Structure formats: C-alpha cells, structure tokens
Protein backbone atom coordinates (compact mmCIF):
# COMPACT_ATOMS: atom_id res chain seq x y z
CA MET A 1 0.00 0.00 0.00
CA ALA A 2 2.81 2.38 0.86
CA GLY A 3 4.45 1.66 -2.49
CA ARG A 4 1.17 2.31 -4.26
CA ARG A 5 0.73 5.65 -2.46
CA LYS A 6 4.28 6.58 -3.39
CA LYS A 7 3.53 5.85 -7.05
CA LYS A 8 0.45 8.05 -6.94
CA ARG A 9 2.44 10.92 -5.44
CA SER A 10 5.17 10.53 -8.04
CA ALA A 11 3.05 11.95 -10.85
CA LYS A 12 3.40 15.71 -11.05
CA SER A 13 1.09 17.79 -13.27
CA GLY A 14 0.93 21.49 -14.07
CA TYR A 15 3.99 21.48 -16.34
CA TYR A 16 4.27 24.36 -18.81
CA ASP A 17 7.11 24.62 -21.33
CA PHE A 18 8.42 28.11 -20.55
CA ASN A 19 11.58 27.22 -22.48
CA LEU A 20 9.51 27.06 -25.68
CA VAL A 21 7.82 30.37 -24.82
CA ALA A 22 11.23 31.96 -24.22
CA VAL A 23 12.79 30.78 -27.50
CA VAL A 24 9.68 31.82 -29.48
CA ILE A 25 9.75 35.33 -27.97
CA LEU A 26 13.51 35.53 -28.59
CA LEU A 27 13.05 34.51 -32.24
CA ILE A 28 10.25 37.05 -32.71
CA CYS A 29 12.29 39.87 -31.13
CA PHE A 30 15.37 38.96 -33.17
CA GLY A 31 13.15 38.75 -36.26
CA LEU A 32 11.65 42.20 -35.61
CA VAL A 33 15.11 43.76 -35.24
CA MET A 34 16.24 42.21 -38.52
CA LEU A 35 12.95 43.10 -40.22
CA TYR A 36 13.39 46.77 -39.33
CA SER A 37 17.03 46.74 -40.45
CA THR A 38 16.08 45.03 -43.72
CA SER A 39 12.91 46.94 -44.59
CA ALA A 40 13.55 50.50 -43.34
CA TYR A 41 14.93 51.80 -46.65
CA THR A 42 12.22 50.17 -48.77
CA ALA A 43 9.48 51.37 -46.41
CA GLN A 44 10.83 54.93 -46.49
CA VAL A 45 10.93 54.96 -50.31
CA LYS A 46 7.51 53.33 -50.79
CA TYR A 47 5.50 54.76 -47.89
CA GLY A 48 7.53 57.67 -46.52
CA ASN A 49 7.77 55.87 -43.17
CA ASP A 50 10.75 53.67 -42.37
CA MET A 51 8.74 51.96 -39.58
CA ASN A 52 5.88 50.85 -41.85
CA PHE A 53 6.66 47.12 -42.06
CA PHE A 54 8.12 47.01 -38.55
CA THR A 55 5.08 48.59 -36.88
CA LYS A 56 2.57 46.28 -38.56
CA GLN A 57 4.63 43.18 -37.80
CA THR A 58 5.17 44.24 -34.17
CA ILE A 59 1.45 44.75 -33.52
CA ILE A 60 0.54 41.42 -35.13
CA SER A 61 3.36 39.64 -33.25
CA ILE A 62 2.27 40.98 -29.83
CA VAL A 63 -1.39 40.06 -30.49
CA SER A 64 -0.31 36.62 -31.77
CA ILE A 65 1.83 35.91 -28.69
CA LEU A 66 -1.06 36.80 -26.37
CA ALA A 67 -3.45 34.73 -28.48
CA ALA A 68 -1.06 31.72 -28.35
CA LEU A 69 -0.80 31.94 -24.56
CA PHE A 70 -4.61 32.18 -24.35
CA LEU A 71 -5.03 29.23 -26.74
CA SER A 72 -2.59 27.15 -24.69
CA LYS A 73 -5.03 27.21 -21.75
CA PHE A 74 -7.59 25.15 -23.69
CA ASP A 75 -7.61 21.36 -23.81
CA TYR A 76 -6.01 20.36 -27.11
CA HIS A 77 -8.36 17.34 -27.33
CA LEU A 78 -11.05 19.75 -28.57
CA LEU A 79 -9.15 19.82 -31.88
CA TYR A 80 -9.84 16.10 -32.28
CA TYR A 81 -13.55 16.88 -32.69
CA VAL A 82 -13.23 19.97 -34.91
CA SER A 83 -10.24 18.96 -37.06
CA LYS A 84 -12.45 17.60 -39.86
CA MET A 85 -14.30 20.92 -39.93
CA ILE A 86 -10.97 22.82 -40.11
CA TYR A 87 -9.98 20.55 -43.03
CA GLY A 88 -13.21 21.36 -44.89
CA ILE A 89 -13.04 25.09 -44.13
CA SER A 90 -9.44 25.27 -45.42
CA ILE A 91 -10.51 23.82 -48.80
CA ILE A 92 -13.52 26.17 -49.01
CA LEU A 93 -11.34 29.22 -48.25
CA MET A 94 -8.76 28.19 -50.86
CA ALA A 95 -11.55 27.68 -53.40
CA MET A 96 -12.76 31.22 -52.65
CA VAL A 97 -9.34 32.52 -53.69
CA LYS A 98 -9.68 30.98 -57.15
CA PHE A 99 -13.39 31.26 -57.85
CA THR A 100 -14.65 34.41 -56.07
CA PRO A 101 -13.89 38.15 -56.31
CA LEU A 102 -12.57 38.00 -52.73
CA GLY A 103 -9.37 36.42 -54.05
CA VAL A 104 -6.73 39.08 -54.67
CA GLU A 105 -3.45 39.07 -56.54
CA VAL A 106 -0.27 40.32 -54.85
CA ASN A 107 3.06 40.49 -56.72
CA GLY A 108 1.67 38.38 -59.55
CA ALA A 109 0.33 35.58 -57.31
CA ARG A 110 -3.37 35.06 -56.51
CA ARG A 111 -3.11 33.51 -53.04
CA TRP A 112 -4.87 35.95 -50.72
CA LEU A 113 -8.42 36.54 -49.55
CA ARG A 114 -9.48 40.07 -48.73
CA PHE A 115 -12.65 40.86 -46.81
CA GLY A 116 -13.21 44.53 -47.63
CA ILE A 117 -10.05 46.11 -46.20
CA GLN A 118 -6.37 45.20 -46.43
CA ALA A 119 -6.21 44.57 -42.68
CA LEU A 120 -8.53 41.59 -43.24
CA GLN A 121 -6.31 39.98 -45.87
CA PHE A 122 -4.78 36.55 -45.30
CA GLN A 123 -3.54 33.41 -47.05
CA PRO A 124 -5.97 30.45 -46.69
CA ALA A 125 -3.09 28.09 -47.48
CA GLU A 126 -1.86 28.71 -43.92
CA VAL A 127 -5.15 27.31 -42.63
CA ALA A 128 -4.48 24.20 -44.74
CA LYS A 129 -1.23 23.60 -42.83
CA ILE A 130 -3.15 23.70 -39.53
CA ALA A 131 -5.72 21.34 -41.07
CA ALA A 132 -3.02 18.82 -41.98
CA ILE A 133 -1.42 19.05 -38.52
CA THR A 134 -4.72 18.46 -36.69
CA PHE A 135 -6.74 16.19 -39.03
CA ILE A 136 -4.16 13.61 -40.17
CA PRO A 137 -3.41 12.60 -36.52
CA CYS A 138 -7.19 12.41 -35.92
CA LEU A 139 -7.53 10.01 -38.87
CA ILE A 140 -4.59 7.94 -37.65
CA MET A 141 -6.15 7.63 -34.18
CA LYS A 142 -9.55 6.62 -35.61
CA MET A 143 -8.05 4.04 -37.97
CA GLY A 144 -5.86 2.34 -35.38
CA ARG A 145 -4.26 -0.81 -36.77
CA GLU A 146 -5.93 -0.23 -40.13
CA ILE A 147 -3.08 2.13 -41.10
CA ALA A 148 -0.87 -0.93 -41.55
CA THR A 149 -3.16 -2.15 -44.35
CA ARG A 150 -2.92 -0.96 -47.95
CA ARG A 151 -6.45 0.50 -47.79
CA GLY A 152 -5.70 2.46 -44.61
CA PHE A 153 -2.39 3.73 -45.94
CA LEU A 154 -3.97 4.90 -49.21
CA LYS A 155 -6.83 6.60 -47.33
CA LEU A 156 -4.39 8.60 -45.21
CA MET A 157 -2.29 9.56 -48.22
CA ALA A 158 -5.42 10.56 -50.14
CA TYR A 159 -6.52 13.00 -47.44
CA GLY A 160 -3.05 14.48 -46.93
CA LEU A 161 -1.91 14.64 -50.55
CA GLY A 162 -5.43 15.67 -51.60
CA LEU A 163 -5.11 18.73 -49.36
CA ALA A 164 -1.67 19.43 -50.84
CA ALA A 165 -3.10 19.11 -54.37
CA ALA A 166 -5.95 21.50 -53.45
CA ALA A 167 -3.42 24.06 -52.18
CA PHE A 168 -1.48 23.77 -55.43
CA TYR A 169 -4.50 23.94 -57.75
CA LEU A 170 -6.63 26.50 -55.92
CA THR A 171 -3.87 28.94 -54.86
CA GLU A 172 -1.07 27.94 -57.27
CA ASN A 173 1.16 27.68 -54.21
CA LEU A 174 3.67 24.89 -54.87
CA SER A 175 5.72 25.61 -51.73
CA THR A 176 2.72 25.20 -49.41
CA ALA A 177 1.69 22.04 -51.28
CA MET A 178 5.20 20.62 -50.74
CA ILE A 179 5.09 21.44 -47.01
CA ILE A 180 1.62 19.89 -46.54
CA ALA A 181 2.74 16.77 -48.42
CA GLY A 182 5.89 16.62 -46.25
CA ILE A 183 3.90 16.98 -43.02
CA THR A 184 1.51 14.23 -44.12
CA VAL A 185 4.13 11.72 -45.25
CA ILE A 186 6.37 12.15 -42.19
CA MET A 187 3.45 11.91 -39.72
CA ILE A 188 2.29 8.71 -41.42
CA PHE A 189 5.89 7.46 -41.25
CA ILE A 190 5.92 8.09 -37.48
CA ALA A 191 2.66 6.19 -36.97
CA HIS A 192 3.16 3.40 -39.52
CA PRO A 193 4.56 0.12 -38.15
CA ASN A 194 6.48 -0.73 -41.35
CA LYS A 195 9.30 1.83 -41.36
CA ARG A 196 11.34 -0.10 -43.93
CA LEU A 197 8.75 0.59 -46.62
CA PHE A 198 9.12 4.36 -46.11
CA LEU A 199 12.90 4.19 -45.96
CA MET A 200 12.99 2.22 -49.20
CA TRP A 201 10.74 4.70 -51.02
CA GLY A 202 12.62 7.62 -49.46
CA GLY A 203 15.91 6.21 -50.77
CA ILE A 204 14.44 5.71 -54.24
CA LEU A 205 13.06 9.28 -54.22
CA ALA A 206 16.44 10.71 -53.17
CA VAL A 207 18.21 8.85 -56.00
CA LEU A 208 15.59 10.07 -58.51
CA VAL A 209 16.01 13.68 -57.33
CA VAL A 210 19.79 13.49 -57.77
CA LEU A 211 19.42 11.89 -61.23
CA ALA A 212 16.82 14.51 -62.23
CA ARG A 213 19.21 17.28 -61.15
CA ILE A 214 22.02 15.78 -63.26
CA MET A 215 19.76 15.26 -66.28
CA LEU A 216 18.40 18.80 -66.06
CA GLN A 217 21.93 20.16 -65.86
CA ILE A 218 22.95 18.19 -68.95
CA THR A 219 19.75 18.86 -70.92
CA LEU A 220 19.13 22.51 -70.10
CA GLY A 221 22.43 23.79 -68.78
CA GLU A 222 24.04 24.37 -72.16
CA MET A 223 20.89 25.36 -74.05
CA THR A 224 20.24 28.95 -75.01
CA LEU A 225 16.55 29.53 -74.45
CA ASP A 226 14.53 32.68 -74.99
CA MET A 227 13.09 33.28 -71.53
CA ASP A 228 10.36 35.49 -73.03
CA ASN A 229 8.99 32.41 -74.78
CA VAL A 230 9.10 30.16 -71.70
CA GLU A 231 5.41 30.13 -70.78
CA ASN A 232 5.77 27.93 -67.71
CA PHE A 233 7.24 30.13 -64.99
CA ARG A 234 8.29 27.04 -63.01
CA LEU A 235 10.46 25.90 -65.93
CA ALA A 236 11.93 29.40 -65.99
CA ARG A 237 12.73 29.07 -62.27
CA VAL A 238 14.51 25.77 -62.90
CA LEU A 239 16.57 27.36 -65.67
CA VAL A 240 17.49 30.26 -63.39
CA TRP A 241 18.43 27.85 -60.61
CA LEU A 242 20.70 25.86 -62.90
CA ASN A 243 22.43 28.93 -64.29
CA PRO A 244 21.63 32.14 -62.36
CA GLU A 245 24.47 34.10 -63.97
CA LYS A 246 23.29 33.29 -67.50
CA TYR A 247 19.71 34.30 -66.72
CA SER A 248 20.48 37.12 -64.29
CA SER A 249 18.19 39.56 -66.11
CA GLU A 250 15.29 37.06 -66.21
CA GLY A 251 15.11 36.12 -62.54
CA GLY A 252 18.60 35.13 -61.51
CA TYR A 253 19.41 38.68 -60.39
CA GLN A 254 17.79 38.31 -56.96
CA ILE A 255 19.50 35.03 -56.10
CA MET A 256 22.87 36.30 -57.36
CA GLN A 257 22.59 39.40 -55.17
CA ALA A 258 21.54 37.26 -52.20
CA LEU A 259 24.66 35.13 -52.67
CA TYR A 260 26.79 38.29 -52.93
CA ALA A 261 25.23 39.51 -49.67
CA ILE A 262 26.13 36.29 -47.87
CA GLY A 263 29.67 36.24 -49.31
CA SER A 264 30.39 39.89 -48.51
CA GLY A 265 29.31 39.49 -44.86
CA GLY A 266 32.23 37.25 -43.94
CA PHE A 267 32.19 35.60 -40.53
CA PHE A 268 31.01 38.50 -38.32
CA GLY A 269 29.28 40.65 -40.96
CA LYS A 270 29.32 44.34 -41.81
CA GLY A 271 27.36 45.31 -38.71
CA LEU A 272 23.66 45.68 -37.95
CA GLY A 273 22.06 48.12 -40.39
CA ASN A 274 25.06 48.26 -42.73
CA SER A 275 23.78 46.01 -45.52
CA VAL A 276 24.23 47.36 -49.03
CA GLN A 277 22.21 44.67 -50.82
CA LYS A 278 18.98 45.61 -49.02
CA LEU A 279 19.06 49.06 -50.69
CA GLY A 280 17.73 47.60 -53.92
CA PRO A 281 19.92 44.80 -55.28
CA VAL A 282 17.88 42.20 -53.32
CA PRO A 283 14.22 43.06 -54.15
CA GLU A 284 11.68 42.53 -51.32
CA ALA A 285 14.53 41.56 -49.00
CA GLN A 286 12.18 41.61 -45.98
CA ASN A 287 10.34 38.57 -47.32
CA ASP A 288 11.86 35.25 -48.36
CA MET A 289 15.43 36.59 -48.82
CA ILE A 290 15.81 38.03 -45.31
CA PHE A 291 18.34 35.34 -44.34
CA SER A 292 20.81 36.72 -46.90
CA ILE A 293 20.66 40.15 -45.22
CA ILE A 294 21.12 38.56 -41.79
CA CYS A 295 24.31 36.93 -43.09
CA GLU A 296 25.49 40.18 -44.69
CA GLU A 297 25.00 42.27 -41.54
CA LEU A 298 25.79 39.67 -38.86
CA GLY A 299 27.93 37.30 -40.92
CA VAL A 300 28.05 33.53 -40.84
CA PHE A 301 28.05 33.85 -37.05
CA GLY A 302 24.64 35.57 -37.13
CA GLY A 303 23.29 32.92 -39.50
CA MET A 304 24.51 30.20 -37.14
CA VAL A 305 22.81 31.91 -34.18
CA VAL A 306 19.52 31.90 -36.13
CA LEU A 307 19.93 28.20 -36.90
CA LEU A 308 20.79 27.42 -33.26
CA LEU A 309 17.65 29.22 -32.08
CA PHE A 310 15.54 27.22 -34.51
CA GLY A 311 17.37 24.08 -33.45
CA TYR A 312 16.53 24.73 -29.80
CA MET A 313 12.88 25.42 -30.69
CA LEU A 314 12.71 22.12 -32.57
CA TYR A 315 14.31 20.38 -29.59
CA ARG A 316 11.62 21.76 -27.27
CA LEU A 317 8.89 20.61 -29.69
CA PHE A 318 10.55 17.18 -29.86
CA PHE A 319 10.60 17.08 -26.04
CA ILE A 320 6.88 17.87 -25.86
CA ALA A 321 6.03 15.33 -28.59
CA GLN A 322 8.07 12.65 -26.82
CA ASN A 323 6.44 13.26 -23.43
CA ALA A 324 2.88 14.01 -24.59
CA PRO A 325 0.23 12.14 -22.58
CA ASP A 326 -1.33 10.53 -25.66
CA PHE A 327 -0.51 9.69 -29.27
CA TYR A 328 -2.82 12.39 -30.69
CA GLY A 329 -0.96 15.16 -28.87
CA SER A 330 2.38 13.62 -29.79
CA LEU A 331 1.49 13.45 -33.50
CA MET A 332 0.16 17.03 -33.59
CA VAL A 333 3.32 18.45 -32.03
CA SER A 334 5.38 16.28 -34.39
CA GLY A 335 3.44 17.86 -37.28
CA ILE A 336 4.28 21.35 -35.96
CA LEU A 337 7.95 20.37 -35.65
CA ILE A 338 7.95 18.99 -39.22
CA HIS A 339 6.30 22.15 -40.57
CA ILE A 340 8.81 24.54 -39.02
CA ALA A 341 11.80 22.34 -39.88
CA LEU A 342 10.73 22.01 -43.52
CA GLN A 343 10.06 25.72 -43.88
CA VAL A 344 13.42 26.74 -42.39
CA ILE A 345 15.35 24.18 -44.46
CA LEU A 346 13.60 25.05 -47.73
CA ASN A 347 13.97 28.81 -47.21
CA ILE A 348 17.71 28.56 -46.55
CA CYS A 349 18.16 26.16 -49.47
CA VAL A 350 16.50 28.72 -51.75
CA VAL A 351 18.70 31.56 -50.45
CA LEU A 352 21.82 29.42 -51.04
CA ASN A 353 20.48 28.43 -54.51
CA TRP A 354 20.46 24.73 -53.62
CA ILE A 355 16.88 24.44 -54.91
CA PRO A 356 14.78 26.60 -57.28
CA THR A 357 13.05 29.63 -55.76
CA THR A 358 9.69 28.74 -54.21
CA GLY A 359 8.62 31.81 -52.24
CA ILE A 360 8.90 30.09 -48.85
CA THR A 361 9.34 32.54 -45.98
CA LEU A 362 11.65 32.19 -42.98
CA PRO A 363 9.44 31.61 -39.90
CA PHE A 364 9.35 34.49 -37.35
CA PHE A 365 11.71 36.62 -39.51
CA SER A 366 10.08 37.25 -42.88
CA TYR A 367 7.41 39.94 -43.15
CA GLY A 368 3.86 38.61 -43.17
CA GLY A 369 0.99 38.84 -40.72
CA THR A 370 -0.76 35.63 -41.78
CA SER A 371 2.40 33.59 -41.31
CA ILE A 372 3.12 34.83 -37.78
CA MET A 373 -0.51 34.41 -36.72
CA PHE A 374 -0.75 30.77 -37.74
CA LEU A 375 2.76 29.95 -36.50
CA MET A 376 1.77 31.26 -33.09
CA ALA A 377 -1.47 29.26 -33.26
CA GLU A 378 0.73 26.18 -33.70
CA MET A 379 2.83 27.25 -30.71
CA GLY A 380 -0.38 27.60 -28.69
CA ILE A 381 -1.32 24.01 -29.60
CA ALA A 382 2.15 22.75 -28.60
CA LEU A 383 1.96 24.60 -25.27
CA SER A 384 -1.51 23.16 -24.66
CA VAL A 385 -0.06 19.66 -25.10
CA SER A 386 2.84 20.54 -22.78
CA ARG A 387 0.38 21.45 -19.98
CA GLU A 388 -0.80 17.82 -19.87
CA ILE A 389 2.69 16.37 -19.41
CA LYS A 390 3.25 14.59 -16.10
CA PHE A 391 6.68 13.84 -14.65
CA ALA A 392 7.86 11.60 -11.83
CA LYS A 393 9.30 13.42 -8.84
C-alpha cells in the first residue's frame, strides 16, 4: 500500500514549457530587429515611413503571442472533434481565392483573400497547414491498426496529398503544397509500423532527385533559351536555378545578389544596419530573402545563431512530442515540428540556390501577418499539449 501511495504521489502535473515560450519570444524579437534593419529603406521609399513594415509586424506579433498563450489554456483534445471541420473550411477558403472576387493578386500571385479592407487579408493556405497538422493525426487515431493495411495507408495519403493538391491547384502555391505533403508523409511514417517501406521509397526518391538534377543540368544547362517564350514560370525558375548568372536579367538577379550579400558578410558581418544589398539589389529583402541580409550584416556567425535558435525550438517541440500524454498530442506536435523544420530548411536552401526559388518565408523573420498568426497558433497548440505532461518526482 505504501508503495502504491508513493507511485500516486510521483506523478506531477501542471507542467508548462516556458523554455519554448522563451525561445519563441527571442526569435520574434530577433526577427523584428532584422525586419526593421532590412525593410527601413524600402518602407521609407515606398510609404515615406521607415517603420511601416516594422510597426505592422510588431502589432501582429504581440497580439499573436497573447493569443497563443490564451489558446494554450484550452484542452487540445477539442481539436480532435473539430479537425475535420478545419480541413473542410481550409478547402472552401482556398476555393474562394480561385473562384470568387474575394481572391486578390499580390506580386503576380493570386493567393490571398481580402474581406473589404487590407487589414482583413490573409492566405488560406496557412489554414491548410493547420488542417493537416490536426486532421491527419485524428484520422490515424480513428483508424488504429488499419493504417498498416494498404487500404488504410492509401486513405491517409489521399486525405493528406489531396489537401496538398488542393493548395497547389486553388492557390497555385507549390511551396505550401510541398510542405503539406511533407507533413503528411512524415506523420504517417511516425505512426506506420512498417518503417522499412518508407525508408525504401525515401531512398528511391532521393536517388531520382539526384538523377533529375544531373539530367536537367545536362539537358538545359548548355541550351540557349529565350526566356520570353518560356510560358511555364516554373520551368523558368529551374533554368534560373541551374544557371543564375546566365539568366540574371530574367530572374537570376535576386538570387545572385543574395549570394553576394552572404559572401560579402564574412564571418562576423558588416554590422547591424550596414547592408548594401537591401538598398535595392535584393528586391523585397524583408520577405523570403531576409536570411541573406542577416548573413550580410551579422555574418556567418549571425546565421549560425539563427539556426541554433531554430534548433533549440525544434528540440523543445521534440521534447513535448516525446512526453505528450497521448498519441494524438504527440502526432500534432510532431506535425508542428515537421512544418517549421521544412520551412526553415527550404527557405535557406533557396537563399543558397540549392533548390529553385519557391517563395517560402523564414518563420518568425520574414514579413507577413498571416504567417506569424498561424505559426503562433501552432505554438499555442504545442503549449496546450505541454500542460498535460506529467513527470515523476
């Protein structure tokens, strides 16, 4: 009896991952400093106010942090019952972008919904990421052992890749489609009992990607193509990626200048605010190319600090996923971890010209209210799961 009482007392509840809160706030503050440094000149030229981008992002960031802390107080199991509705709503909202006048085009891409005023403008594709993170684990839990069967596996893939296909078709957003597909496949890999099957297909895919890269280099690298006649802009992006110097005037200019920015920064950089490339050579530097300006001003050292902060955030998410009280919470937090990891990796690969440009932003650093709002919603979910963790004394 004494031993049993001791066991009961050994469980301690009321845990809250303040380490995750701290690293998120640190990333947001660091991101705001770099956003102001990167965007001040552009904002002054365009709007006559060097604080334009910074002020908007700061307000949204503060509101999003408070909203995440508020959201973390709710029981995350509620998402189990509404995740299917979130999935459906995300598809409806993306369809509204393509088929209704509420869809608006920004910088040549029709990916936003606007409800009357610009303040109520957002990207529905971000809702689709939340839908994948909450609904795929719900399906896995409902299916149980059925996921090991061919029918169960195909059903899961159909829901996840179907959402990715909807994001691609309805918003023409390939980067979001890739991230949703990545979240789906890796979550299924975590839950599926036959890991060898995934590893085999993953190895085959990696070999095919390398072979495709070599074949593209051989086939297109030496060809002289008229970029004005290349109707498919994705083919144009591949051509620019393979030879940015050759096609510098057709799209390679931005990536070349980003690489110059990184190279000129050296190890410790030119100093905060001293970037030259942000004055025009790197267009829209406050968006997906902000990492190049970080490296120019703070050097390789600054870039490493950013990566270490993201690494620590991913570690905290891994810790929560590993210690979650149930498999649903563990899978959801794993989905959040996968999302952030994929987005950081893909953004940096684009900046370094390791993959074609995709328009993927750097989480917590790139300018964008929708992105920060939904990222903080994910942090709220992770913190809600962390509240249910119990440790032995």
